[in-house]
């Protein structure tokens, strides 16, 4: 399989992701889930995703589709990169094992479906208020926040480019 095919093979349906997760769990591995838009990749994203992967053995990324990003009302021009462009860039990250796109405003249904061992978000969230918290805790998992790398954000990057 070519490297390009390997990258594309990381972007899967939720059903395919669940099969992979179940195999990982059967072999005693800890599955970590995080999500986001990841519109313009910057060092803060790299740091966050590497730290998320360090919390387990298998990292699954729930990626907001273009439709989902628009539901978040980030800005009228967002996302700048379409979902395929964002997914293929993220697939090149060695720390990410699987990427699943989701259309909803939140990844709640995806989290309930996949049942990860660890749910991760940035520390701008209170742990108990993270979408999926109740579901992950009810399944015996943990919910963790990771501090953001100071000085990096997509919104600030866009503002800098525009100025």
Protein backbone atom coordinates (compact mmCIF):
# COMPACT_ATOMS: atom_id res chain seq x y z
CA UNK A 1 0.00 0.00 0.00
CA UNK A 2 1.36 3.44 -0.91
CA UNK A 3 1.84 6.05 1.80
CA UNK A 4 -1.02 8.09 0.32
CA UNK A 5 -3.31 5.05 0.54
CA UNK A 6 -2.19 4.53 4.15
CA UNK A 7 -3.20 8.10 4.98
CA UNK A 8 -6.61 7.69 3.35
CA UNK A 9 -7.12 4.39 5.16
CA UNK A 10 -7.04 6.23 8.51
CA UNK A 11 -10.23 8.13 7.56
CA UNK A 12 -13.05 5.69 8.24
CA UNK A 13 -16.74 5.33 9.03
CA UNK A 14 -17.83 5.08 12.64
CA UNK A 15 -18.65 1.39 12.08
CA UNK A 16 -15.14 0.66 10.84
CA UNK A 17 -13.69 2.66 13.73
CA UNK A 18 -15.74 0.63 16.21
CA UNK A 19 -14.36 -2.62 14.78
CA UNK A 20 -10.80 -1.31 15.19
CA UNK A 21 -11.51 -0.07 18.71
CA UNK A 22 -12.98 -3.40 19.75
CA UNK A 23 -9.84 -5.19 18.51
CA UNK A 24 -7.62 -2.76 20.40
CA UNK A 25 -9.63 -3.18 23.60
CA UNK A 26 -9.59 -6.99 23.26
CA UNK A 27 -5.80 -6.89 23.20
CA UNK A 28 -5.79 -4.82 26.40
CA UNK A 29 -5.10 -1.46 24.81
CA UNK A 30 -6.51 1.86 26.01
CA UNK A 31 -8.48 3.83 23.40
CA UNK A 32 -8.42 7.63 23.57
CA UNK A 33 -10.93 9.90 21.83
CA UNK A 34 -10.73 13.60 21.11
CA UNK A 35 -12.44 15.85 18.63
CA UNK A 36 -12.27 19.20 16.95
CA UNK A 37 -12.22 21.21 13.73
CA UNK A 38 -8.44 21.47 13.24
CA UNK A 39 -8.90 24.05 10.48
CA UNK A 40 -5.38 25.49 10.21
CA UNK A 41 -2.81 23.23 11.85
CA UNK A 42 -0.40 24.97 14.22
CA UNK A 43 2.02 23.90 17.00
CA UNK A 44 -0.79 23.99 19.57
CA UNK A 45 -2.62 21.25 17.67
CA UNK A 46 0.52 19.13 17.40
CA UNK A 47 1.21 19.46 21.13
CA UNK A 48 -2.40 18.71 22.07
CA UNK A 49 -2.73 15.63 19.84
CA UNK A 50 0.62 14.19 20.96
CA UNK A 51 -0.39 14.62 24.61
CA UNK A 52 -3.79 13.05 23.92
CA UNK A 53 -2.08 10.02 22.35
CA UNK A 54 0.21 9.71 25.38
CA UNK A 55 -2.90 8.99 27.49
CA UNK A 56 -3.43 5.62 25.79
CA UNK A 57 -2.46 3.22 23.05
CA UNK A 58 -4.84 4.18 20.23
CA UNK A 59 -6.05 7.68 19.36
CA UNK A 60 -9.27 8.23 17.50
CA UNK A 61 -10.08 11.72 16.31
CA UNK A 62 -13.64 12.86 15.76
CA UNK A 63 -13.34 15.53 13.07
CA UNK A 64 -16.09 18.08 12.53
CA UNK A 65 -17.36 18.04 8.94
CA UNK A 66 -17.75 21.36 7.14
CA UNK A 67 -21.46 21.28 7.99
CA UNK A 68 -20.64 20.68 11.65
CA UNK A 69 -18.14 23.55 11.76
CA UNK A 70 -20.79 25.90 10.36
CA UNK A 71 -23.19 24.78 13.12
CA UNK A 72 -20.61 25.98 15.67
CA UNK A 73 -20.85 29.55 14.31
CA UNK A 74 -17.09 30.07 14.55
CA UNK A 75 -17.04 32.62 11.72
CA UNK A 76 -18.86 32.97 8.41
CA UNK A 77 -15.78 31.94 6.43
CA UNK A 78 -14.94 28.84 8.48
CA UNK A 79 -13.75 26.28 7.88
CA UNK A 80 -11.04 27.63 5.63
CA UNK A 81 -9.94 24.11 4.69
CA UNK A 82 -12.61 21.62 3.66
CA UNK A 83 -13.15 18.42 5.63
CA UNK A 84 -11.15 16.22 3.25
CA UNK A 85 -8.17 18.61 3.33
CA UNK A 86 -8.29 18.75 7.14
CA UNK A 87 -8.67 14.97 7.42
CA UNK A 88 -5.78 14.12 5.09
CA UNK A 89 -3.42 16.54 6.87
CA UNK A 90 -4.36 15.02 10.24
CA UNK A 91 -3.98 11.50 8.85
CA UNK A 92 -0.28 12.27 8.38
CA UNK A 93 0.12 12.61 12.16
CA UNK A 94 1.75 9.47 13.54
CA UNK A 95 -0.07 9.96 16.87
CA UNK A 96 -3.53 9.64 15.24
CA UNK A 97 -4.66 6.10 14.48
CA UNK A 98 -8.16 6.72 13.12
CA UNK A 99 -10.25 9.69 12.00
CA UNK A 100 -14.05 9.70 11.90
CA UNK A 101 -15.94 12.68 10.53
CA UNK A 102 -19.20 13.73 12.19
CA UNK A 103 -21.95 16.09 11.01
CA UNK A 104 -23.55 16.97 14.33
CA UNK A 105 -22.78 20.09 16.37
CA UNK A 106 -21.24 17.89 19.08
CA UNK A 107 -19.61 14.44 19.00
CA UNK A 108 -21.97 13.05 21.67
CA UNK A 109 -23.55 10.34 19.51
CA UNK A 110 -20.14 9.34 18.15
CA UNK A 111 -18.71 9.07 21.68
CA UNK A 112 -21.67 6.96 22.81
CA UNK A 113 -21.24 4.71 19.77
CA UNK A 114 -17.46 4.25 20.07
CA UNK A 115 -17.22 4.03 23.90
CA UNK A 116 -13.57 5.11 24.30
CA UNK A 117 -11.63 4.43 27.50
CA UNK A 118 -10.44 8.04 27.69
CA UNK A 119 -12.12 11.22 26.48
CA UNK A 120 -9.85 14.26 26.06
CA UNK A 121 -10.48 17.96 25.50
CA UNK A 122 -8.53 21.16 26.06
CA UNK A 123 -8.44 22.66 29.53
CA UNK A 124 -10.71 25.50 28.48
CA UNK A 125 -13.48 23.02 29.41
CA UNK A 126 -14.53 21.92 32.88
CA UNK A 127 -14.21 18.13 32.94
CA UNK A 128 -17.82 17.51 34.03
CA UNK A 129 -19.14 19.76 31.23
CA UNK A 130 -17.29 18.04 28.39
CA UNK A 131 -19.69 16.57 25.86
CA UNK A 132 -19.70 12.80 26.38
CA UNK A 133 -18.53 12.97 30.01
CA UNK A 134 -21.53 11.06 31.40
CA UNK A 135 -21.33 8.35 28.75
CA UNK A 136 -17.59 7.73 29.17
CA UNK A 137 -17.79 7.70 32.97
CA UNK A 138 -20.81 5.35 32.87
CA UNK A 139 -18.73 2.93 30.75
CA UNK A 140 -15.88 2.97 33.29
CA UNK A 141 -13.68 5.40 31.37
CA UNK A 142 -11.98 8.63 32.31
CA UNK A 143 -12.24 12.21 31.08
CA UNK A 144 -9.11 14.35 30.96
CA UNK A 145 -8.25 17.91 29.98
CA UNK A 146 -4.96 18.97 28.44
CA UNK A 147 -3.54 22.49 28.76
CA UNK A 148 -3.21 24.37 25.51
CA UNK A 149 0.19 25.46 24.27
CA UNK A 150 0.31 29.16 25.10
CA UNK A 151 0.03 31.62 22.22
CA UNK A 152 -1.51 29.40 19.54
CA UNK A 153 -5.05 29.38 18.20
CA UNK A 154 -6.57 29.17 14.74
CA UNK A 155 -8.68 32.27 15.39
CA UNK A 156 -5.61 34.30 16.42
CA UNK A 157 -3.71 32.97 13.41
CA UNK A 158 -6.50 34.09 11.06
CA UNK A 159 -6.59 37.52 12.72
CA UNK A 160 -2.82 37.84 12.27
CA UNK A 161 -3.03 36.89 8.58
CA UNK A 162 -5.84 39.39 7.98
CA UNK A 163 -3.95 42.23 9.69
